[in-house]
Protein backbone atom coordinates (compact mmCIF):
# COMPACT_ATOMS: atom_id res chain seq x y z
CA UNK A 1 131.63 49.02 8.85
CA UNK A 2 132.49 48.30 12.47
CA UNK A 3 135.24 50.97 12.46
CA UNK A 4 132.76 53.62 11.31
CA UNK A 5 130.34 52.59 14.06
CA UNK A 6 133.09 52.80 16.68
CA UNK A 7 134.09 56.25 15.43
CA UNK A 8 130.45 57.39 15.58
CA UNK A 9 130.10 56.09 19.15
CA UNK A 10 133.36 57.83 20.09
CA UNK A 11 132.17 61.11 18.58
CA UNK A 12 128.88 60.87 20.47
CA UNK A 13 130.65 60.13 23.76
CA UNK A 14 133.12 63.02 23.33
CA UNK A 15 130.33 65.36 22.19
CA UNK A 16 128.38 64.66 25.38
CA UNK A 17 131.33 64.55 27.79
CA UNK A 18 133.00 67.80 26.72
CA UNK A 19 130.04 70.11 27.52
CA UNK A 20 129.31 68.13 30.70
CA UNK A 21 132.90 68.47 31.88
CA UNK A 22 132.90 72.20 31.19
CA UNK A 23 129.58 72.68 33.01
CA UNK A 24 130.70 70.66 36.02
CA UNK A 25 133.99 72.53 36.31
CA UNK A 26 132.33 75.92 36.04
CA UNK A 27 129.82 75.14 38.78
CA UNK A 28 132.14 73.25 41.15
CA UNK A 29 133.23 75.27 44.17
CA UNK A 30 136.77 76.59 43.87
CA UNK A 31 139.44 76.41 46.54
CA UNK A 32 139.94 79.53 48.64
CA UNK A 33 143.51 79.78 47.44
CA UNK A 34 144.50 82.64 45.17
CA UNK A 35 144.94 81.44 41.58
CA UNK A 36 148.54 81.69 40.39
CA UNK A 37 149.53 84.29 37.82
CA UNK A 38 149.80 81.62 35.13
CA UNK A 39 146.15 80.68 35.75
CA UNK A 40 144.99 84.29 35.53
CA UNK A 41 146.82 84.63 32.18
CA UNK A 42 144.79 81.81 30.60
CA UNK A 43 141.79 83.91 29.43
CA UNK A 44 144.16 86.09 27.37
CA UNK A 45 145.86 82.94 26.02
CA UNK A 46 142.43 81.52 25.15
CA UNK A 47 141.51 84.65 23.20
CA UNK A 48 144.83 84.41 21.34
CA UNK A 49 144.19 80.74 20.57
CA UNK A 50 140.69 81.57 19.31
CA UNK A 51 142.12 84.34 17.12
CA UNK A 52 144.62 81.95 15.56
CA UNK A 53 141.90 79.33 15.13
CA UNK A 54 139.76 81.85 13.24
CA UNK A 55 142.67 82.69 10.94
CA UNK A 56 143.41 79.01 10.32
CA UNK A 57 139.76 78.31 9.53
CA UNK A 58 139.74 81.13 7.00
CA UNK A 59 143.06 79.92 5.57
CA UNK A 60 141.61 76.42 5.29
CA UNK A 61 138.65 77.79 3.36
CA UNK A 62 140.96 79.75 1.08
CA UNK A 63 143.14 76.70 0.39
CA UNK A 64 140.25 74.38 -0.40
CA UNK A 65 138.74 76.98 -2.76
CA UNK A 66 142.12 77.15 -4.55
CA UNK A 67 142.32 73.35 -4.74
CA UNK A 68 145.31 73.18 -2.40
CA UNK A 69 143.99 70.18 -0.47
CA UNK A 70 147.18 69.38 1.45
CA UNK A 71 147.43 72.97 2.70
CA UNK A 72 143.71 72.88 3.54
CA UNK A 73 144.27 69.70 5.53
CA UNK A 74 147.21 71.23 7.40
CA UNK A 75 145.26 74.38 8.25
CA UNK A 76 142.27 72.42 9.50
CA UNK A 77 144.33 69.97 11.56
CA UNK A 78 146.12 72.96 13.06
CA UNK A 79 142.78 74.63 13.83
CA UNK A 80 141.56 71.42 15.46
CA UNK A 81 144.79 71.12 17.46
CA UNK A 82 144.41 74.70 18.68
CA UNK A 83 140.79 73.96 19.57
CA UNK A 84 141.97 71.05 21.68
CA UNK A 85 144.61 73.23 23.34
CA UNK A 86 141.94 75.88 23.97
CA UNK A 87 139.67 73.32 25.62
CA UNK A 88 142.47 72.14 27.93
CA UNK A 89 143.33 75.73 28.84
CA UNK A 90 139.67 76.69 29.33
CA UNK A 91 138.97 73.69 31.57
CA UNK A 92 142.16 74.37 33.55
CA UNK A 93 141.19 78.00 34.11
CA UNK A 94 137.61 77.25 35.14
CA UNK A 95 138.69 74.44 37.46
CA UNK A 96 140.98 76.87 39.34
CA UNK A 97 139.43 80.33 39.12
CA UNK A 98 136.03 81.81 39.79
CA UNK A 99 134.12 83.00 36.74
CA UNK A 100 134.38 86.73 36.12
CA UNK A 101 131.17 88.74 36.20
CA UNK A 102 130.49 91.22 33.40
CA UNK A 103 130.19 94.72 34.84
CA UNK A 104 128.88 96.63 31.85
CA UNK A 105 125.48 98.31 31.95
CA UNK A 106 122.86 99.36 29.44
CA UNK A 107 122.79 98.11 25.84
CA UNK A 108 126.33 96.70 26.02
CA UNK A 109 125.16 94.30 28.74
CA UNK A 110 122.46 92.87 26.45
CA UNK A 111 124.95 92.64 23.58
CA UNK A 112 127.50 90.88 25.79
CA UNK A 113 125.05 88.32 27.16
CA UNK A 114 123.51 87.66 23.73
CA UNK A 115 126.97 87.05 22.34
CA UNK A 116 128.00 84.92 25.33
CA UNK A 117 124.87 82.75 25.31
CA UNK A 118 125.02 82.14 21.55
CA UNK A 119 128.75 81.39 21.87
CA UNK A 120 128.20 78.82 24.65
CA UNK A 121 125.30 77.07 22.94
CA UNK A 122 127.02 76.89 19.55
CA UNK A 123 130.33 75.81 21.12
CA UNK A 124 128.54 72.76 22.53
CA UNK A 125 126.62 72.10 19.31
CA UNK A 126 129.66 72.32 17.02
CA UNK A 127 131.71 69.59 18.72
CA UNK A 128 130.18 66.58 16.90
CA UNK A 129 130.18 68.43 13.58
CA UNK A 130 133.89 69.27 13.87
CA UNK A 131 134.75 65.72 14.91
CA UNK A 132 132.76 64.26 12.01
CA UNK A 133 134.30 66.73 9.54
CA UNK A 134 137.77 65.82 10.77
CA UNK A 135 137.06 62.09 10.57
CA UNK A 136 135.53 62.27 7.09
CA UNK A 137 138.32 64.52 5.84
CA UNK A 138 141.11 62.32 7.19
CA UNK A 139 139.46 59.15 5.87
CA UNK A 140 138.93 60.69 2.40
CA UNK A 141 135.13 60.51 2.57
CA UNK A 142 134.96 63.75 0.62
CA UNK A 143 131.20 63.93 -0.02
CA UNK A 144 130.35 63.27 3.62
CA UNK A 145 133.04 65.75 4.64
CA UNK A 146 131.50 68.45 2.44
CA UNK A 147 128.00 67.84 3.80
CA UNK A 148 129.15 68.16 7.42
CA UNK A 149 131.40 71.14 6.75
CA UNK A 150 128.43 73.13 5.42
CA UNK A 151 127.32 73.32 9.05
CA UNK A 152 130.57 72.85 10.95
CA UNK A 153 132.58 75.62 9.30
CA UNK A 154 130.30 78.63 9.86
CA UNK A 155 129.42 77.55 13.39
CA UNK A 156 133.06 76.90 14.31
CA UNK A 157 134.14 80.22 12.80
CA UNK A 158 131.40 82.05 14.71
CA UNK A 159 132.39 80.31 17.96
CA UNK A 160 136.07 81.17 17.55
CA UNK A 161 135.40 84.82 16.66
CA UNK A 162 132.69 85.30 19.29
CA UNK A 163 135.06 83.81 21.89
CA UNK A 164 137.52 86.62 21.17
CA UNK A 165 134.75 89.23 21.31
CA UNK A 166 133.46 87.86 24.63
CA UNK A 167 136.99 88.07 26.02
CA UNK A 168 137.47 91.65 24.79
CA UNK A 169 134.17 92.71 26.35
CA UNK A 170 134.81 91.08 29.73
CA UNK A 171 138.58 91.68 29.98
CA UNK A 172 138.24 95.01 31.85
CA UNK A 173 136.50 93.12 34.67
CA UNK A 174 139.19 90.48 35.28
């Protein structure tokens, strides 16, 4: 029982620290130095990572529906790994480069900001659900895994797809 408690505490700590770290890095002043070309390429890389994550999430759903549990596990671990890579890349970018301002006007501006705000809020909310789903899945707590995934999967899929859409909408302004 102690291991489960430690895992829960770890999930809570990570779930609080990740959004805090992202918020701090976004609002910290940046150096006056020009960001290197590899830094400016990170938003495109992040959109690519989110695209692959979306595909892996859908593949994971397909595999579990077909009863191919090992393939499901591989797809979901890969999606989680890409999510971790995305987070590292995202934090790296925002620690080095100023945030880009959306320049669209009219209805597209409202669409963009609605999408962006829902994406940001749900990206923070989904962290503990994904961590719990991963833990329950890897420790063969199938019923608990299923209960958490009911919420984790659609939110995570929305976050990964909306991340790509946010990038596509803001990319002309980079």
